[in-house]
Amino acid sequence: IIYLYGRHVTAEVKEMFSIDENKGEIKLQGKLDYEQMNSYEITVEARDKGSPPLSGHCKVVLEVLDVND
C-alpha cells in the first residue's frame, strides 16, 4: 500500500507537511503559526499495487493551538 495526498490538497499544505509513502506518517516540514492558520485539513489516499489498483481515503484534521497567549 502507498499513501499520498488526495486530489484537492492545496500547495500550501503540501509545503507544510510530508507523507511517508510507505508508512503513511504525516510529518511537519516547517513552523506552524496559529495567527496565520488555526487548522489544516489533509485528505490522504491509500492505494494498493493491484491491477487495477484499489484505493481508500480519509481526512486528517490538524488543529493548531495558540501557546503564546
Protein backbone atom coordinates (compact mmCIF):
# COMPACT_ATOMS: atom_id res chain seq x y z
CA ILE A 1 0.00 0.00 0.00
CA ILE A 2 1.20 3.51 -0.79
CA TYR A 3 -0.05 6.71 0.84
CA LEU A 4 -0.37 10.03 -0.94
CA TYR A 5 -2.20 13.35 -0.81
CA GLY A 6 -5.76 13.47 -2.05
CA ARG A 7 -6.62 15.39 -5.22
CA HIS A 8 -7.79 18.59 -3.54
CA VAL A 9 -4.92 19.19 -1.12
CA THR A 10 -3.55 22.70 -1.56
CA ALA A 11 0.07 23.52 -2.43
CA GLU A 12 0.38 25.29 0.94
CA VAL A 13 -0.48 22.09 2.82
CA LYS A 14 1.94 20.09 0.66
CA GLU A 15 4.71 22.53 1.60
CA MET A 16 3.91 22.37 5.34
CA PHE A 17 3.55 18.59 5.66
CA SER A 18 5.01 15.47 4.08
CA ILE A 19 3.58 11.96 3.86
CA ASP A 20 5.77 8.86 4.05
CA GLU A 21 4.52 6.83 1.07
CA ASN A 22 5.26 3.51 2.76
CA LYS A 23 4.17 4.14 6.36
CA GLY A 24 1.54 6.84 5.92
CA GLU A 25 3.19 9.04 8.57
CA ILE A 26 2.47 12.75 8.24
CA LYS A 27 5.36 14.98 9.31
CA LEU A 28 5.64 18.71 9.77
CA GLN A 29 8.13 20.46 7.44
CA GLY A 30 8.13 23.97 8.93
CA LYS A 31 6.76 26.09 11.75
CA LEU A 32 3.06 26.48 12.40
CA ASP A 33 1.60 29.87 13.25
CA TYR A 34 -1.85 29.97 14.88
CA GLU A 35 -2.41 33.55 13.68
CA GLN A 36 -1.90 32.55 10.04
CA MET A 37 -3.84 29.25 10.08
CA ASN A 38 -5.53 27.63 13.07
CA SER A 39 -6.34 24.30 11.40
CA TYR A 40 -5.43 22.18 8.39
CA GLU A 41 -7.40 19.52 6.52
CA ILE A 42 -5.35 16.89 4.71
CA THR A 43 -7.06 14.33 2.51
CA VAL A 44 -4.96 11.16 2.37
CA GLU A 45 -5.40 8.35 -0.13
CA ALA A 46 -4.20 4.78 0.45
CA ARG A 47 -3.74 2.78 -2.76
CA ASP A 48 -2.71 -0.83 -3.27
CA LYS A 49 -0.49 -2.04 -6.09
CA GLY A 50 -3.06 -4.27 -7.75
CA SER A 51 -4.25 -4.13 -11.33
CA PRO A 52 -6.47 -2.16 -11.27
CA PRO A 53 -5.40 -0.51 -8.00
CA LEU A 54 -7.96 -0.21 -5.22
CA SER A 55 -7.93 2.86 -3.00
CA GLY A 56 -9.50 4.38 0.07
CA HIS A 57 -9.28 7.83 1.55
CA CYS A 58 -9.65 9.73 4.81
CA LYS A 59 -9.49 13.30 6.02
CA VAL A 60 -6.96 14.25 8.71
CA VAL A 61 -7.81 17.45 10.62
CA LEU A 62 -4.95 19.16 12.46
CA GLU A 63 -5.81 21.89 14.95
CA VAL A 64 -3.07 24.36 15.86
CA LEU A 65 -3.02 25.51 19.50
CA ASP A 66 -2.06 29.09 20.35
CA VAL A 67 0.52 28.51 23.08
CA ASN A 68 1.91 32.08 23.01
CA ASP A 69 -1.13 33.77 24.57
